[in-house]
C-alpha cells in the first residue's frame, strides 16, 4: 500500500472530491498535507517487497510504510492496517474463480 501520494493523477479528480480528501481548500488551492507522500516515498514499500532479500519467500502479506501491516478486525476510523477479511485465503480463491468465470463470459 503506497499511501496518499501527490502526483498528477489527481488532475483527473473533480474539485469536490479533492476537497473531501483534504487536498484542496474552499478557494481551489491545493493543500499538501503531512500524510501525503512523494512519489519516491510511495514507491519505497513496493520496492522493498520486491527487492529485499529479507522478504524472499514471503507471500500473502500486506505491507505499508515499509513494514508488514497490523491485522485489524474493527476498521471503523482506521487509516492504517489490513482488515482481517482481506487475508482470507478461501475468499481470495473464490474471488479468483469468479473473476475467471466473468472473463470467460460464462
PDB file of N, CA and C in Angstrom:
ATOM      1  N   UNK A   1       0.843  -1.177   0.000  1.00  0.00           N
ATOM      2  CA  UNK A   1       0.000   0.000   0.000  1.00  0.00           C
ATOM      3  C   UNK A   1       0.887   1.238   0.000  1.00  0.00           C
ATOM      4  N   UNK A   2       0.878   1.993  -1.076  1.00  0.00           N
ATOM      5  CA  UNK A   2       1.753   3.157  -1.132  1.00  0.00           C
ATOM      6  C   UNK A   2       1.295   4.332  -0.284  1.00  0.00           C
ATOM      7  N   UNK A   3       0.025   4.405   0.051  1.00  0.00           N
ATOM      8  CA  UNK A   3      -0.471   5.543   0.812  1.00  0.00           C
ATOM      9  C   UNK A   3      -0.911   6.678  -0.093  1.00  0.00           C
ATOM     10  N   UNK A   4      -1.099   7.843   0.480  1.00  0.00           N
ATOM     11  CA  UNK A   4      -1.521   9.033  -0.271  1.00  0.00           C
ATOM     12  C   UNK A   4      -0.294   9.638  -0.926  1.00  0.00           C
ATOM     13  N   UNK A   5      -0.280   9.677  -2.236  1.00  0.00           N
ATOM     14  CA  UNK A   5       0.858  10.205  -2.979  1.00  0.00           C
ATOM     15  C   UNK A   5       0.387  11.379  -3.822  1.00  0.00           C
ATOM     16  N   UNK A   6       1.135  12.458  -3.751  1.00  0.00           N
ATOM     17  CA  UNK A   6       0.823  13.621  -4.576  1.00  0.00           C
ATOM     18  C   UNK A   6       1.450  13.420  -5.951  1.00  0.00           C
ATOM     19  N   UNK A   7       0.608  13.220  -6.954  1.00  0.00           N
ATOM     20  CA  UNK A   7       1.064  13.067  -8.341  1.00  0.00           C
ATOM     21  C   UNK A   7       0.113  13.836  -9.245  1.00  0.00           C
ATOM     22  N   UNK A   8       0.376  13.786 -10.521  1.00  0.00           N
ATOM     23  CA  UNK A   8      -0.517  14.419 -11.486  1.00  0.00           C
ATOM     24  C   UNK A   8      -1.786  13.608 -11.716  1.00  0.00           C
ATOM     25  N   UNK A   9      -1.889  12.423 -11.142  1.00  0.00           N
ATOM     26  CA  UNK A   9      -3.122  11.641 -11.285  1.00  0.00           C
ATOM     27  C   UNK A   9      -4.312  12.373 -10.682  1.00  0.00           C
ATOM     28  N   UNK A  10      -4.057  13.203  -9.679  1.00  0.00           N
ATOM     29  CA  UNK A  10      -5.145  13.934  -9.045  1.00  0.00           C
ATOM     30  C   UNK A  10      -5.809  14.927 -10.000  1.00  0.00           C
ATOM     31  N   UNK A  11      -5.174  15.227 -11.110  1.00  0.00           N
ATOM     32  CA  UNK A  11      -5.780  16.166 -12.067  1.00  0.00           C
ATOM     33  C   UNK A  11      -7.081  15.610 -12.646  1.00  0.00           C
ATOM     34  N   UNK A  12      -7.284  14.305 -12.507  1.00  0.00           N
ATOM     35  CA  UNK A  12      -8.491  13.672 -13.024  1.00  0.00           C
ATOM     36  C   UNK A  12      -9.650  13.705 -12.023  1.00  0.00           C
ATOM     37  N   UNK A  13      -9.394  14.202 -10.825  1.00  0.00           N
ATOM     38  CA  UNK A  13     -10.435  14.279  -9.801  1.00  0.00           C
ATOM     39  C   UNK A  13     -11.092  15.651  -9.835  1.00  0.00           C
ATOM     40  N   UNK A  14     -12.384  15.665  -9.587  1.00  0.00           N
ATOM     41  CA  UNK A  14     -13.078  16.959  -9.561  1.00  0.00           C
ATOM     42  C   UNK A  14     -12.798  17.670  -8.236  1.00  0.00           C
ATOM     43  N   UNK A  15     -13.088  18.963  -8.217  1.00  0.00           N
ATOM     44  CA  UNK A  15     -12.775  19.785  -7.045  1.00  0.00           C
ATOM     45  C   UNK A  15     -13.467  19.295  -5.774  1.00  0.00           C
ATOM     46  N   UNK A  16     -14.715  18.847  -5.882  1.00  0.00           N
ATOM     47  CA  UNK A  16     -15.425  18.365  -4.688  1.00  0.00           C
ATOM     48  C   UNK A  16     -14.719  17.152  -4.085  1.00  0.00           C
ATOM     49  N   UNK A  17     -14.241  16.259  -4.928  1.00  0.00           N
ATOM     50  CA  UNK A  17     -13.520  15.079  -4.443  1.00  0.00           C
ATOM     51  C   UNK A  17     -12.221  15.501  -3.780  1.00  0.00           C
ATOM     52  N   UNK A  18     -11.479  16.395  -4.416  1.00  0.00           N
ATOM     53  CA  UNK A  18     -10.229  16.881  -3.824  1.00  0.00           C
ATOM     54  C   UNK A  18     -10.479  17.556  -2.482  1.00  0.00           C
ATOM     55  N   UNK A  19     -11.554  18.324  -2.379  1.00  0.00           N
ATOM     56  CA  UNK A  19     -11.880  18.966  -1.092  1.00  0.00           C
ATOM     57  C   UNK A  19     -12.216  17.915  -0.030  1.00  0.00           C
ATOM     58  N   UNK A  20     -12.977  16.891  -0.414  1.00  0.00           N
ATOM     59  CA  UNK A  20     -13.358  15.863   0.555  1.00  0.00           C
ATOM     60  C   UNK A  20     -12.141  15.078   1.043  1.00  0.00           C
ATOM     61  N   UNK A  21     -11.102  15.022   0.234  1.00  0.00           N
ATOM     62  CA  UNK A  21      -9.862  14.339   0.612  1.00  0.00           C
ATOM     63  C   UNK A  21      -8.926  15.242   1.399  1.00  0.00           C
ATOM     64  N   UNK A  22      -9.296  16.522   1.524  1.00  0.00           N
ATOM     65  CA  UNK A  22      -8.435  17.469   2.213  1.00  0.00           C
ATOM     66  C   UNK A  22      -7.278  17.947   1.366  1.00  0.00           C
ATOM     67  N   UNK A  23      -7.388  17.764   0.043  1.00  0.00           N
ATOM     68  CA  UNK A  23      -6.308  18.146  -0.863  1.00  0.00           C
ATOM     69  C   UNK A  23      -6.544  19.491  -1.524  1.00  0.00           C
ATOM     70  N   UNK A  24      -7.680  20.129  -1.248  1.00  0.00           N
ATOM     71  CA  UNK A  24      -7.985  21.434  -1.838  1.00  0.00           C
ATOM     72  C   UNK A  24      -8.819  22.240  -0.850  1.00  0.00           C
ATOM     73  N   UNK A  25      -8.520  23.528  -0.758  1.00  0.00           N
ATOM     74  CA  UNK A  25      -9.318  24.377   0.129  1.00  0.00           C
ATOM     75  C   UNK A  25     -10.530  24.927  -0.617  1.00  0.00           C
ATOM     76  N   UNK A  26     -11.349  25.708   0.083  1.00  0.00           N
ATOM     77  CA  UNK A  26     -12.597  26.222  -0.498  1.00  0.00           C
ATOM     78  C   UNK A  26     -12.359  27.141  -1.685  1.00  0.00           C
ATOM     79  N   UNK A  27     -11.172  27.766  -1.741  1.00  0.00           N
ATOM     80  CA  UNK A  27     -10.860  28.674  -2.848  1.00  0.00           C
ATOM     81  C   UNK A  27     -10.224  27.969  -4.049  1.00  0.00           C
ATOM     82  N   UNK A  28     -10.045  26.664  -3.947  1.00  0.00           N
ATOM     83  CA  UNK A  28      -9.467  25.910  -5.055  1.00  0.00           C
ATOM     84  C   UNK A  28      -7.956  25.775  -5.017  1.00  0.00           C
ATOM     85  N   UNK A  29      -7.335  26.103  -3.901  1.00  0.00           N
ATOM     86  CA  UNK A  29      -5.884  25.971  -3.748  1.00  0.00           C
ATOM     87  C   UNK A  29      -5.539  24.568  -3.268  1.00  0.00           C
ATOM     88  N   UNK A  30      -4.514  23.970  -3.857  1.00  0.00           N
ATOM     89  CA  UNK A  30      -4.060  22.649  -3.424  1.00  0.00           C
ATOM     90  C   UNK A  30      -3.460  22.728  -2.033  1.00  0.00           C
ATOM     91  N   UNK A  31      -3.701  21.715  -1.231  1.00  0.00           N
ATOM     92  CA  UNK A  31      -3.171  21.623   0.121  1.00  0.00           C
ATOM     93  C   UNK A  31      -2.293  20.383   0.183  1.00  0.00           C
ATOM     94  N   UNK A  32      -1.019  20.574   0.455  1.00  0.00           N
ATOM     95  CA  UNK A  32      -0.133  19.436   0.683  1.00  0.00           C
ATOM     96  C   UNK A  32      -0.142  19.137   2.167  1.00  0.00           C
ATOM     97  N   UNK A  33      -0.603  17.947   2.518  1.00  0.00           N
ATOM     98  CA  UNK A  33      -0.691  17.575   3.920  1.00  0.00           C
ATOM     99  C   UNK A  33       0.487  16.691   4.297  1.00  0.00           C
ATOM    100  N   UNK A  34       0.779  16.630   5.584  1.00  0.00           N
ATOM    101  CA  UNK A  34       1.920  15.858   6.071  1.00  0.00           C
ATOM    102  C   UNK A  34       1.830  14.385   5.704  1.00  0.00           C
ATOM    103  N   UNK A  35       0.614  13.843   5.634  1.00  0.00           N
ATOM    104  CA  UNK A  35       0.482  12.410   5.349  1.00  0.00           C
ATOM    105  C   UNK A  35       0.542  12.101   3.854  1.00  0.00           C
ATOM    106  N   UNK A  36       0.580  13.144   2.990  1.00  0.00           N
ATOM    107  CA  UNK A  36       0.772  12.909   1.562  1.00  0.00           C
ATOM    108  C   UNK A  36       2.248  12.591   1.342  1.00  0.00           C
ATOM    109  N   UNK A  37       2.522  11.606   0.505  1.00  0.00           N
ATOM    110  CA  UNK A  37       3.894  11.186   0.255  1.00  0.00           C
ATOM    111  C   UNK A  37       4.368  11.669  -1.107  1.00  0.00           C
ATOM    112  N   UNK A  38       5.685  11.739  -1.232  1.00  0.00           N
ATOM    113  CA  UNK A  38       6.261  11.983  -2.544  1.00  0.00           C
ATOM    114  C   UNK A  38       6.155  10.675  -3.339  1.00  0.00           C
ATOM    115  N   UNK A  39       6.398  10.755  -4.616  1.00  0.00           N
ATOM    116  CA  UNK A  39       6.382   9.549  -5.449  1.00  0.00           C
ATOM    117  C   UNK A  39       7.408   8.541  -4.930  1.00  0.00           C
ATOM    118  N   UNK A  40       8.582   9.026  -4.568  1.00  0.00           N
ATOM    119  CA  UNK A  40       9.639   8.140  -4.068  1.00  0.00           C
ATOM    120  C   UNK A  40       9.235   7.466  -2.762  1.00  0.00           C
ATOM    121  N   UNK A  41       8.637   8.230  -1.862  1.00  0.00           N
ATOM    122  CA  UNK A  41       8.180   7.650  -0.594  1.00  0.00           C
ATOM    123  C   UNK A  41       7.091   6.613  -0.835  1.00  0.00           C
ATOM    124  N   UNK A  42       6.187   6.905  -1.756  1.00  0.00           N
ATOM    125  CA  UNK A  42       5.114   5.977  -2.060  1.00  0.00           C
ATOM    126  C   UNK A  42       5.620   4.692  -2.686  1.00  0.00           C
ATOM    127  N   UNK A  43       6.664   4.789  -3.492  1.00  0.00           N
ATOM    128  CA  UNK A  43       7.215   3.615  -4.169  1.00  0.00           C
ATOM    129  C   UNK A  43       8.066   2.749  -3.249  1.00  0.00           C
ATOM    130  N   UNK A  44       8.535   3.305  -2.158  1.00  0.00           N
ATOM    131  CA  UNK A  44       9.524   2.599  -1.337  1.00  0.00           C
ATOM    132  C   UNK A  44       9.027   1.258  -0.799  1.00  0.00           C
ATOM    133  N   UNK A  45       7.779   1.156  -0.396  1.00  0.00           N
ATOM    134  CA  UNK A  45       7.269  -0.113   0.131  1.00  0.00           C
ATOM    135  C   UNK A  45       7.237  -1.177  -0.956  1.00  0.00           C
ATOM    136  N   UNK A  46       6.774  -0.805  -2.150  1.00  0.00           N
ATOM    137  CA  UNK A  46       6.737  -1.772  -3.253  1.00  0.00           C
ATOM    138  C   UNK A  46       8.142  -2.234  -3.620  1.00  0.00           C
ATOM    139  N   UNK A  47       9.081  -1.312  -3.650  1.00  0.00           N
ATOM    140  CA  UNK A  47      10.463  -1.658  -3.973  1.00  0.00           C
ATOM    141  C   UNK A  47      11.033  -2.580  -2.898  1.00  0.00           C
ATOM    142  N   UNK A  48      10.768  -2.278  -1.644  1.00  0.00           N
ATOM    143  CA  UNK A  48      11.242  -3.123  -0.546  1.00  0.00           C
ATOM    144  C   UNK A  48      10.726  -4.545  -0.695  1.00  0.00           C
ATOM    145  N   UNK A  49       9.434  -4.690  -0.925  1.00  0.00           N
ATOM    146  CA  UNK A  49       8.822  -6.026  -1.003  1.00  0.00           C
ATOM    147  C   UNK A  49       9.383  -6.810  -2.189  1.00  0.00           C
ATOM    148  N   UNK A  50       9.626  -6.143  -3.292  1.00  0.00           N
ATOM    149  CA  UNK A  50      10.124  -6.814  -4.492  1.00  0.00           C
ATOM    150  C   UNK A  50      11.614  -7.128  -4.392  1.00  0.00           C
ATOM    151  N   UNK A  51      12.404  -6.222  -3.815  1.00  0.00           N
ATOM    152  CA  UNK A  51      13.855  -6.327  -3.936  1.00  0.00           C
ATOM    153  C   UNK A  51      14.596  -6.801  -2.687  1.00  0.00           C
ATOM    154  N   UNK A  52      13.992  -6.754  -1.527  1.00  0.00           N
ATOM    155  CA  UNK A  52      14.734  -7.077  -0.312  1.00  0.00           C
ATOM    156  C   UNK A  52      14.917  -8.575  -0.130  1.00  0.00           C
ATOM    157  N   UNK A  53      16.153  -9.012   0.068  1.00  0.00           N
ATOM    158  CA  UNK A  53      16.377 -10.438   0.365  1.00  0.00           C
ATOM    159  C   UNK A  53      15.771 -10.846   1.707  1.00  0.00           C
ATOM    160  N   UNK A  54      15.480  -9.867   2.565  1.00  0.00           N
ATOM    161  CA  UNK A  54      14.849 -10.182   3.846  1.00  0.00           C
ATOM    162  C   UNK A  54      13.438 -10.731   3.667  1.00  0.00           C
ATOM    163  N   UNK A  55      12.846 -10.484   2.497  1.00  0.00           N
ATOM    164  CA  UNK A  55      11.468 -10.915   2.262  1.00  0.00           C
ATOM    165  C   UNK A  55      11.378 -12.048   1.234  1.00  0.00           C
ATOM    166  N   UNK A  56      12.511 -12.665   0.907  1.00  0.00           N
ATOM    167  CA  UNK A  56      12.482 -13.805  -0.007  1.00  0.00           C
ATOM    168  C   UNK A  56      11.537 -14.869   0.523  1.00  0.00           C
ATOM    169  N   UNK A  57      10.626 -15.303  -0.319  1.00  0.00           N
ATOM    170  CA  UNK A  57       9.683 -16.349   0.058  1.00  0.00           C
ATOM    171  C   UNK A  57       8.483 -15.866   0.837  1.00  0.00           C
ATOM    172  N   UNK A  58       8.441 -14.605   1.206  1.00  0.00           N
ATOM    173  CA  UNK A  58       7.292 -14.062   1.930  1.00  0.00           C
ATOM    174  C   UNK A  58       6.179 -13.804   0.927  1.00  0.00           C
ATOM    175  N   UNK A  59       5.005 -14.303   1.212  1.00  0.00           N
ATOM    176  CA  UNK A  59       3.873 -14.125   0.312  1.00  0.00           C
ATOM    177  C   UNK A  59       2.582 -14.029   1.107  1.00  0.00           C
ATOM    178  N   UNK A  60       1.561 -13.434   0.505  1.00  0.00           N
ATOM    179  CA  UNK A  60       0.256 -13.370   1.146  1.00  0.00           C
ATOM    180  C   UNK A  60       0.179 -12.412   2.313  1.00  0.00           C
ATOM    181  N   UNK A  61       1.065 -11.450   2.355  1.00  0.00           N
ATOM    182  CA  UNK A  61       1.051 -10.478   3.448  1.00  0.00           C
ATOM    183  C   UNK A  61       0.845  -9.083   2.880  1.00  0.00           C
ATOM    184  N   UNK A  62       0.499  -8.145   3.724  1.00  0.00           N
ATOM    185  CA  UNK A  62       0.184  -6.777   3.325  1.00  0.00           C
ATOM    186  C   UNK A  62       1.180  -5.841   3.990  1.00  0.00           C
ATOM    187  N   UNK A  63       1.785  -4.983   3.197  1.00  0.00           N
ATOM    188  CA  UNK A  63       2.796  -4.064   3.711  1.00  0.00           C
ATOM    189  C   UNK A  63       2.381  -2.618   3.474  1.00  0.00           C
ATOM    190  N   UNK A  64       2.744  -1.752   4.409  1.00  0.00           N
ATOM    191  CA  UNK A  64       2.569  -0.309   4.267  1.00  0.00           C
ATOM    192  C   UNK A  64       3.681   0.372   5.055  1.00  0.00           C
ATOM    193  N   UNK A  65       4.146   1.488   4.554  1.00  0.00           N
ATOM    194  CA  UNK A  65       5.215   2.254   5.205  1.00  0.00           C
ATOM    195  C   UNK A  65       6.431   1.382   5.537  1.00  0.00           C
ATOM    196  N   UNK A  66       6.791   0.529   4.592  1.00  0.00           N
ATOM    197  CA  UNK A  66       7.970  -0.343   4.698  1.00  0.00           C
ATOM    198  C   UNK A  66       7.916  -1.336   5.859  1.00  0.00           C
ATOM    199  N   UNK A  67       6.721  -1.654   6.312  1.00  0.00           N
ATOM    200  CA  UNK A  67       6.523  -2.615   7.398  1.00  0.00           C
ATOM    201  C   UNK A  67       5.337  -3.508   7.058  1.00  0.00           C
ATOM    202  N   UNK A  68       5.336  -4.713   7.612  1.00  0.00           N
ATOM    203  CA  UNK A  68       4.145  -5.537   7.492  1.00  0.00           C
ATOM    204  C   UNK A  68       3.040  -4.853   8.294  1.00  0.00           C
ATOM    205  N   UNK A  69       1.871  -4.754   7.683  1.00  0.00           N
ATOM    206  CA  UNK A  69       0.758  -4.040   8.305  1.00  0.00           C
ATOM    207  C   UNK A  69       0.133  -4.852   9.430  1.00  0.00           C
ATOM    208  N   UNK A  70      -0.360  -4.137  10.404  1.00  0.00           N
ATOM    209  CA  UNK A  70      -1.103  -4.748  11.506  1.00  0.00           C
ATOM    210  C   UNK A  70      -2.438  -5.274  10.972  1.00  0.00           C
ATOM    211  N   UNK A  71      -2.811  -6.482  11.377  1.00  0.00           N
ATOM    212  CA  UNK A  71      -4.116  -7.034  11.014  1.00  0.00           C
ATOM    213  C   UNK A  71      -5.131  -6.491  12.008  1.00  0.00           C
ATOM    214  N   UNK A  72      -6.203  -5.913  11.458  1.00  0.00           N
ATOM    215  CA  UNK A  72      -7.209  -5.303  12.324  1.00  0.00           C
ATOM    216  C   UNK A  72      -8.576  -5.930  12.055  1.00  0.00           C
ATOM    217  N   UNK A  73      -9.375  -6.012  13.083  1.00  0.00           N
ATOM    218  CA  UNK A  73     -10.716  -6.575  12.960  1.00  0.00           C
ATOM    219  C   UNK A  73     -11.736  -5.457  12.797  1.00  0.00           C
ATOM    220  N   UNK A  74     -11.637  -4.441  13.625  1.00  0.00           N
ATOM    221  CA  UNK A  74     -12.560  -3.306  13.559  1.00  0.00           C
ATOM    222  C   UNK A  74     -11.910  -2.208  12.742  1.00  0.00           C
ATOM    223  N   UNK A  75     -12.448  -1.933  11.552  1.00  0.00           N
ATOM    224  CA  UNK A  75     -11.811  -0.990  10.630  1.00  0.00           C
ATOM    225  C   UNK A  75     -12.344   0.437  10.753  1.00  0.00           C
ATOM    226  N   UNK A  76     -13.440   0.641  11.453  1.00  0.00           N
ATOM    227  CA  UNK A  76     -14.038   1.979  11.557  1.00  0.00           C
ATOM    228  C   UNK A  76     -13.039   2.967  12.146  1.00  0.00           C
ATOM    229  N   UNK A  77     -12.841   4.067  11.445  1.00  0.00           N
ATOM    230  CA  UNK A  77     -11.959   5.104  11.922  1.00  0.00           C
ATOM    231  C   UNK A  77     -10.475   4.817  11.755  1.00  0.00           C
ATOM    232  N   UNK A  78     -10.139   3.701  11.156  1.00  0.00           N
ATOM    233  CA  UNK A  78      -8.732   3.329  10.980  1.00  0.00           C
ATOM    234  C   UNK A  78      -8.254   3.744   9.603  1.00  0.00           C
ATOM    235  N   UNK A  79      -7.054   4.245   9.521  1.00  0.00           N
ATOM    236  CA  UNK A  79      -6.457   4.578   8.230  1.00  0.00           C
ATOM    237  C   UNK A  79      -5.238   3.726   7.933  1.00  0.00           C
ATOM    238  N   UNK A  80      -4.840   2.910   8.868  1.00  0.00           N
ATOM    239  CA  UNK A  80      -3.681   2.033   8.694  1.00  0.00           C
ATOM    240  C   UNK A  80      -4.083   0.615   9.043  1.00  0.00           C
ATOM    241  N   UNK A  81      -3.311  -0.316   8.526  1.00  0.00           N
ATOM    242  CA  UNK A  81      -3.544  -1.722   8.813  1.00  0.00           C
ATOM    243  C   UNK A  81      -4.299  -2.400   7.699  1.00  0.00           C
ATOM    244  N   UNK A  82      -4.432  -3.709   7.829  1.00  0.00           N
ATOM    245  CA  UNK A  82      -5.145  -4.508   6.831  1.00  0.00           C
ATOM    246  C   UNK A  82      -6.282  -5.240   7.537  1.00  0.00           C
ATOM    247  N   UNK A  83      -7.455  -5.176   6.933  1.00  0.00           N
ATOM    248  CA  UNK A  83      -8.617  -5.855   7.515  1.00  0.00           C
ATOM    249  C   UNK A  83      -8.402  -7.364   7.471  1.00  0.00           C
ATOM    250  N   UNK A  84      -8.772  -8.030   8.533  1.00  0.00           N
ATOM    251  CA  UNK A  84      -8.578  -9.481   8.623  1.00  0.00           C
ATOM    252  C   UNK A  84      -9.225 -10.210   7.452  1.00  0.00           C
ATOM    253  N   UNK A  85     -10.407  -9.754   7.017  1.00  0.00           N
ATOM    254  CA  UNK A  85     -11.085 -10.450   5.920  1.00  0.00           C
ATOM    255  C   UNK A  85     -10.321 -10.330   4.604  1.00  0.00           C
ATOM    256  N   UNK A  86      -9.447  -9.345   4.476  1.00  0.00           N
ATOM    257  CA  UNK A  86      -8.668  -9.183   3.248  1.00  0.00           C
ATOM    258  C   UNK A  86      -7.582 -10.249   3.112  1.00  0.00           C
ATOM    259  N   UNK A  87      -7.292 -10.952   4.189  1.00  0.00           N
ATOM    260  CA  UNK A  87      -6.269 -12.000   4.175  1.00  0.00           C
ATOM    261  C   UNK A  87      -6.875 -13.400   4.157  1.00  0.00           C
ATOM    262  N   UNK A  88      -8.178 -13.498   3.940  1.00  0.00           N
ATOM    263  CA  UNK A  88      -8.882 -14.776   3.926  1.00  0.00           C
ATOM    264  C   UNK A  88      -8.576 -15.533   2.633  1.00  0.00           C
ATOM    265  N   UNK A  89      -7.779 -16.594   2.724  1.00  0.00           N
ATOM    266  CA  UNK A  89      -7.348 -17.350   1.545  1.00  0.00           C
ATOM    267  C   UNK A  89      -8.520 -17.991   0.807  1.00  0.00           C
ATOM    268  N   UNK A  90      -9.519 -18.474   1.526  1.00  0.00           N
ATOM    269  CA  UNK A  90     -10.684 -19.082   0.872  1.00  0.00           C
ATOM    270  C   UNK A  90     -11.471 -18.041   0.073  1.00  0.00           C
ATOM    271  N   UNK A  91     -11.652 -16.864   0.653  1.00  0.00           N
ATOM    272  CA  UNK A  91     -12.356 -15.794  -0.056  1.00  0.00           C
ATOM    273  C   UNK A  91     -11.569 -15.363  -1.288  1.00  0.00           C
ATOM    274  N   UNK A  92     -10.248 -15.291  -1.176  1.00  0.00           N
ATOM    275  CA  UNK A  92      -9.413 -14.916  -2.315  1.00  0.00           C
ATOM    276  C   UNK A  92      -9.539 -15.943  -3.435  1.00  0.00           C
ATOM    277  N   UNK A  93      -9.583 -17.207  -3.070  1.00  0.00           N
ATOM    278  CA  UNK A  93      -9.736 -18.274  -4.073  1.00  0.00           C
ATOM    279  C   UNK A  93     -11.086 -18.180  -4.776  1.00  0.00           C
ATOM    280  N   UNK A  94     -12.147 -17.930  -4.006  1.00  0.00           N
ATOM    281  CA  UNK A  94     -13.479 -17.770  -4.601  1.00  0.00           C
ATOM    282  C   UNK A  94     -13.526 -16.561  -5.533  1.00  0.00           C
ATOM    283  N   UNK A  95     -12.901 -15.470  -5.121  1.00  0.00           N
ATOM    284  CA  UNK A  95     -12.859 -14.273  -5.950  1.00  0.00           C
ATOM    285  C   UNK A  95     -12.104 -14.546  -7.256  1.00  0.00           C
ATOM    286  N   UNK A  96     -11.000 -15.252  -7.162  1.00  0.00           N
ATOM    287  CA  UNK A  96     -10.221 -15.601  -8.359  1.00  0.00           C
ATOM    288  C   UNK A  96     -11.078 -16.435  -9.310  1.00  0.00           C
ATOM    289  N   UNK A  97     -11.750 -17.450  -8.774  1.00  0.00           N
ATOM    290  CA  UNK A  97     -12.607 -18.303  -9.607  1.00  0.00           C
ATOM    291  C   UNK A  97     -13.714 -17.500 -10.274  1.00  0.00           C
ATOM    292  N   UNK A  98     -14.321 -16.602  -9.525  1.00  0.00           N
ATOM    293  CA  UNK A  98     -15.396 -15.764 -10.070  1.00  0.00           C
ATOM    294  C   UNK A  98     -14.864 -14.842 -11.166  1.00  0.00           C
ATOM    295  N   UNK A  99     -13.698 -14.254 -10.944  1.00  0.00           N
ATOM    296  CA  UNK A  99     -13.103 -13.367 -11.946  1.00  0.00           C
ATOM    297  C   UNK A  99     -12.788 -14.134 -13.227  1.00  0.00           C
ATOM    298  N   UNK A 100     -12.275 -15.337 -13.093  1.00  0.00           N
ATOM    299  CA  UNK A 100     -12.001 -16.155 -14.283  1.00  0.00           C
ATOM    300  C   UNK A 100     -13.298 -16.466 -15.040  1.00  0.00           C
ATOM    301  N   UNK A 101     -14.347 -16.800 -14.311  1.00  0.00           N
ATOM    302  CA  UNK A 101     -15.622 -17.103 -14.945  1.00  0.00           C
ATOM    303  C   UNK A 101     -16.165 -15.889 -15.701  1.00  0.00           C
ATOM    304  N   UNK A 102     -16.053 -14.724 -15.104  1.00  0.00           N
ATOM    305  CA  UNK A 102     -16.526 -13.498 -15.754  1.00  0.00           C
ATOM    306  C   UNK A 102     -15.727 -13.230 -17.011  1.00  0.00           C
ATOM    307  N   UNK A 103     -14.419 -13.393 -16.925  1.00  0.00           N
ATOM    308  CA  UNK A 103     -13.569 -13.138 -18.088  1.00  0.00           C
ATOM    309  C   UNK A 103     -13.818 -14.139 -19.215  1.00  0.00           C
ATOM    310  N   UNK A 104     -14.212 -15.325 -18.869  1.00  0.00           N
ATOM    311  CA  UNK A 104     -14.535 -16.338 -19.890  1.00  0.00           C
ATOM    312  C   UNK A 104     -15.932 -16.115 -20.475  1.00  0.00           C
ATOM    313  N   UNK A 105     -16.680 -15.236 -19.876  1.00  0.00           N
ATOM    314  CA  UNK A 105     -18.016 -14.923 -20.382  1.00  0.00           C
ATOM    315  C   UNK A 105     -19.080 -15.909 -19.990  1.00  0.00           C
ATOM    316  N   UNK A 106     -18.775 -16.759 -19.050  1.00  0.00           N
ATOM    317  CA  UNK A 106     -19.728 -17.774 -18.552  1.00  0.00           C
ATOM    318  C   UNK A 106     -20.648 -18.195 -19.627  1.00  0.00           C
TER     319      UNK A 106
END
